[in-house]
C-alpha atoms as a PDB file:
ATOM      1  CA  MET A   1     -20.135 -70.358  57.837  1.00  0.00           C
ATOM      2  CA  LYS A   2     -18.719 -67.714  59.719  1.00  0.00           C
ATOM      3  CA  GLN A   3     -19.778 -64.189  60.561  1.00  0.00           C
ATOM      4  CA  VAL A   4     -17.676 -61.373  59.195  1.00  0.00           C
ATOM      5  CA  GLU A   5     -18.408 -57.831  60.161  1.00  0.00           C
ATOM      6  CA  VAL A   6     -17.906 -55.313  57.273  1.00  0.00           C
ATOM      7  CA  GLN A   7     -18.299 -51.319  56.957  1.00  0.00           C
ATOM      8  CA  ILE A   8     -20.688 -49.827  53.998  1.00  0.00           C
ATOM      9  CA  MET A   9     -20.791 -46.024  54.046  1.00  0.00           C
ATOM     10  CA  GLY A  10     -19.436 -45.897  57.535  1.00  0.00           C
ATOM     11  CA  GLN A  11     -22.232 -48.515  58.901  1.00  0.00           C
ATOM     12  CA  SER A  12     -21.189 -52.192  60.066  1.00  0.00           C
ATOM     13  CA  TYR A  13     -22.729 -55.169  58.828  1.00  0.00           C
ATOM     14  CA  LEU A  14     -22.386 -58.559  60.162  1.00  0.00           C
ATOM     15  CA  LEU A  15     -22.486 -61.121  57.260  1.00  0.00           C
ATOM     16  CA  ASN A  16     -22.573 -65.112  56.899  1.00  0.00           C
ATOM     17  CA  CYS A  17     -19.330 -66.055  54.727  1.00  0.00           C
ATOM     18  CA  PRO A  18     -18.536 -69.622  53.931  1.00  0.00           C
ATOM     19  CA  GLU A  19     -14.932 -70.543  55.119  1.00  0.00           C
ATOM     20  CA  GLY A  20     -12.311 -69.248  52.884  1.00  0.00           C
ATOM     21  CA  GLY A  21     -14.535 -66.915  51.352  1.00  0.00           C
ATOM     22  CA  GLU A  22     -13.702 -63.859  53.417  1.00  0.00           C
ATOM     23  CA  THR A  23     -11.366 -62.391  50.439  1.00  0.00           C
ATOM     24  CA  SER A  24     -14.023 -62.484  47.975  1.00  0.00           C
ATOM     25  CA  LEU A  25     -16.558 -61.077  50.413  1.00  0.00           C
ATOM     26  CA  GLN A  26     -14.169 -58.129  51.326  1.00  0.00           C
ATOM     27  CA  HIS A  27     -13.844 -57.563  47.621  1.00  0.00           C
ATOM     28  CA  VAL A  28     -17.508 -57.325  47.000  1.00  0.00           C
ATOM     29  CA  VAL A  29     -18.391 -55.080  50.040  1.00  0.00           C
ATOM     30  CA  GLY A  30     -15.500 -52.922  48.642  1.00  0.00           C
ATOM     31  CA  ARG A  31     -17.146 -52.486  45.328  1.00  0.00           C
ATOM     32  CA  VAL A  32     -20.515 -51.953  47.085  1.00  0.00           C
ATOM     33  CA  ASP A  33     -19.144 -49.195  49.412  1.00  0.00           C
ATOM     34  CA  LYS A  34     -17.254 -47.488  46.505  1.00  0.00           C
ATOM     35  CA  ALA A  35     -20.242 -47.471  44.638  1.00  0.00           C
ATOM     36  CA  MET A  36     -22.623 -46.175  47.092  1.00  0.00           C
ATOM     37  CA  CYS A  37     -20.100 -43.495  48.413  1.00  0.00           C
ATOM     38  CA  ARG A  38     -19.986 -42.180  44.537  1.00  0.00           C
ATOM     39  CA  ILE A  39     -23.596 -41.595  44.550  1.00  0.00           C
ATOM     40  CA  ARG A  40     -23.962 -40.169  47.836  1.00  0.00           C
ATOM     41  CA  ASP A  41     -20.848 -37.714  47.405  1.00  0.00           C
ATOM     42  CA  ALA A  42     -22.633 -36.872  44.153  1.00  0.00           C
ATOM     43  CA  GLY A  43     -24.910 -34.893  46.226  1.00  0.00           C
ATOM     44  CA  LYS A  44     -28.465 -35.524  44.684  1.00  0.00           C
ATOM     45  CA  VAL A  45     -29.622 -38.827  46.516  1.00  0.00           C
ATOM     46  CA  LYS A  46     -29.543 -38.747  50.378  1.00  0.00           C
ATOM     47  CA  ALA A  47     -31.672 -41.418  51.531  1.00  0.00           C
ATOM     48  CA  ARG A  48     -29.836 -44.645  51.987  1.00  0.00           C
ATOM     49  CA  ASP A  49     -32.083 -47.209  50.614  1.00  0.00           C
ATOM     50  CA  ARG A  50     -32.220 -45.153  47.367  1.00  0.00           C
ATOM     51  CA  ILE A  51     -28.357 -44.959  47.311  1.00  0.00           C
ATOM     52  CA  ALA A  52     -28.364 -48.852  47.710  1.00  0.00           C
ATOM     53  CA  VAL A  53     -30.748 -49.099  44.957  1.00  0.00           C
ATOM     54  CA  LEU A  54     -29.045 -47.198  42.474  1.00  0.00           C
ATOM     55  CA  ALA A  55     -25.438 -48.686  43.552  1.00  0.00           C
ATOM     56  CA  ALA A  56     -27.096 -52.219  42.920  1.00  0.00           C
ATOM     57  CA  LEU A  57     -28.543 -51.207  39.606  1.00  0.00           C
ATOM     58  CA  ASN A  58     -25.190 -50.081  38.654  1.00  0.00           C
ATOM     59  CA  LEU A  59     -23.053 -52.985  39.777  1.00  0.00           C
ATOM     60  CA  ALA A  60     -25.949 -55.249  38.058  1.00  0.00           C
ATOM     61  CA  PHE A  61     -25.497 -53.430  34.817  1.00  0.00           C
ATOM     62  CA  GLU A  62     -21.640 -53.765  35.126  1.00  0.00           C
ATOM     63  CA  GLU A  63     -21.732 -57.378  35.417  1.00  0.00           C
ATOM     64  CA  GLU A  64     -24.453 -57.713  32.904  1.00  0.00           C
ATOM     65  CA  GLY A  65     -21.901 -56.153  30.624  1.00  0.00           C
ATOM     66  CA  LYS A  66     -19.165 -58.351  31.317  1.00  0.00           C
ATOM     67  CA  ALA A  67     -21.432 -61.344  30.855  1.00  0.00           C
ATOM     68  CA  ASP A  68     -22.460 -60.202  27.131  1.00  0.00           C
ATOM     69  CA  VAL A  69     -18.896 -59.874  26.568  1.00  0.00           C
ATOM     70  CA  ALA A  70     -17.835 -63.229  27.643  1.00  0.00           C
ATOM     71  CA  SER A  71     -20.631 -64.924  25.762  1.00  0.00           C
ATOM     72  CA  PRO A  72     -21.878 -62.201  22.888  1.00  0.00           C
ATOM     73  CA  GLN A  73     -25.318 -62.433  21.567  1.00  0.00           C
ATOM     74  CA  PRO A  74     -26.201 -60.014  18.913  1.00  0.00           C
ATOM     75  CA  SER A  75     -29.045 -58.371  20.638  1.00  0.00           C
ATOM     76  CA  ALA A  76     -27.137 -58.464  24.008  1.00  0.00           C
ATOM     77  CA  VAL A  77     -23.861 -56.886  22.660  1.00  0.00           C
ATOM     78  CA  LYS A  78     -26.098 -53.899  20.756  1.00  0.00           C
ATOM     79  CA  ALA A  79     -27.962 -53.420  23.874  1.00  0.00           C
ATOM     80  CA  THR A  80     -25.013 -53.310  25.992  1.00  0.00           C
ATOM     81  CA  GLU A  81     -22.895 -51.160  23.848  1.00  0.00           C
ATOM     82  CA  THR A  82     -26.277 -48.629  23.545  1.00  0.00           C
ATOM     83  CA  ALA A  83     -26.482 -48.729  27.434  1.00  0.00           C
ATOM     84  CA  SER A  84     -22.718 -48.763  28.158  1.00  0.00           C
ATOM     85  CA  ALA A  85     -22.307 -45.574  26.288  1.00  0.00           C
ATOM     86  CA  PRO A  86     -22.697 -43.109  29.455  1.00  0.00           C
ATOM     87  CA  ALA A  87     -20.435 -45.322  31.391  1.00  0.00           C
ATOM     88  CA  ALA A  88     -17.289 -44.242  29.512  1.00  0.00           C
ATOM     89  CA  SER A  89     -16.119 -41.979  32.257  1.00  0.00           C
ATOM     90  CA  ASP A  90     -16.850 -41.363  35.855  1.00  0.00           C
ATOM     91  CA  SER A  91     -18.433 -37.908  35.418  1.00  0.00           C
ATOM     92  CA  SER A  92     -20.629 -39.447  32.617  1.00  0.00           C
ATOM     93  CA  MET A  93     -21.600 -42.198  34.686  1.00  0.00           C
ATOM     94  CA  ASP A  94     -22.447 -39.991  37.587  1.00  0.00           C
ATOM     95  CA  ALA A  95     -24.619 -38.274  35.411  1.00  0.00           C
ATOM     96  CA  ALA A  96     -26.550 -41.156  33.887  1.00  0.00           C
ATOM     97  CA  LEU A  97     -26.854 -42.148  37.888  1.00  0.00           C
ATOM     98  CA  LEU A  98     -28.164 -38.787  38.655  1.00  0.00           C
ATOM     99  CA  ALA A  99     -30.752 -38.975  35.822  1.00  0.00           C
ATOM    100  CA  LEU A 100     -31.801 -42.326  37.071  1.00  0.00           C
ATOM    101  CA  ALA A 101     -32.158 -41.263  40.418  1.00  0.00           C
ATOM    102  CA  SER A 102     -34.318 -38.343  39.209  1.00  0.00           C
ATOM    103  CA  ARG A 103     -36.498 -40.672  37.430  1.00  0.00           C
ATOM    104  CA  ILE A 104     -36.904 -42.948  40.402  1.00  0.00           C
ATOM    105  CA  ASP A 105     -37.571 -40.138  42.678  1.00  0.00           C
ATOM    106  CA  SER A 106     -40.129 -38.711  40.357  1.00  0.00           C
ATOM    107  CA  VAL A 107     -41.936 -42.299  40.089  1.00  0.00           C
ATOM    108  CA  LEU A 108     -41.584 -42.617  44.124  1.00  0.00           C
ATOM    109  CA  GLU A 109     -43.005 -39.269  44.699  1.00  0.00           C
ATOM    110  CA  ALA A 110     -46.217 -40.033  42.714  1.00  0.00           C
ATOM    111  CA  ASP A 111     -46.852 -43.069  44.899  1.00  0.00           C
ATOM    112  CA  GLY A 112     -47.143 -41.880  48.545  1.00  0.00           C
ATOM    113  CA  GLN A 113     -47.415 -45.604  49.493  1.00  0.00           C
ATOM    114  CA  LEU A 114     -43.850 -46.598  48.303  1.00  0.00           C
ATOM    115  CA  LEU A 115     -41.079 -45.625  50.913  1.00  0.00           C
END
């Protein structure tokens, strides 16, 4: 293992990486950085941890959709088609992410013990 320094939203992180995996790590870091910056730049969510959660959910959702396409199952494909509809464009994806952020905020505000 080697340590690689990366930047996400302008902050440095030192990550462990297997030998030969630097290119893959940089690709993944780029995707995470882009997803987080897009959410931050939308202006509705300011807390870095909430931005990270939303970005992680968005990236996981994208990967889930790719997995469903690779090995289609009737119920998974139907759910993906329904859930993927808002992701047709960047602006509609941003709107969906902002709506999700708003829902998360309302739940977290109701429970003062979180965050």
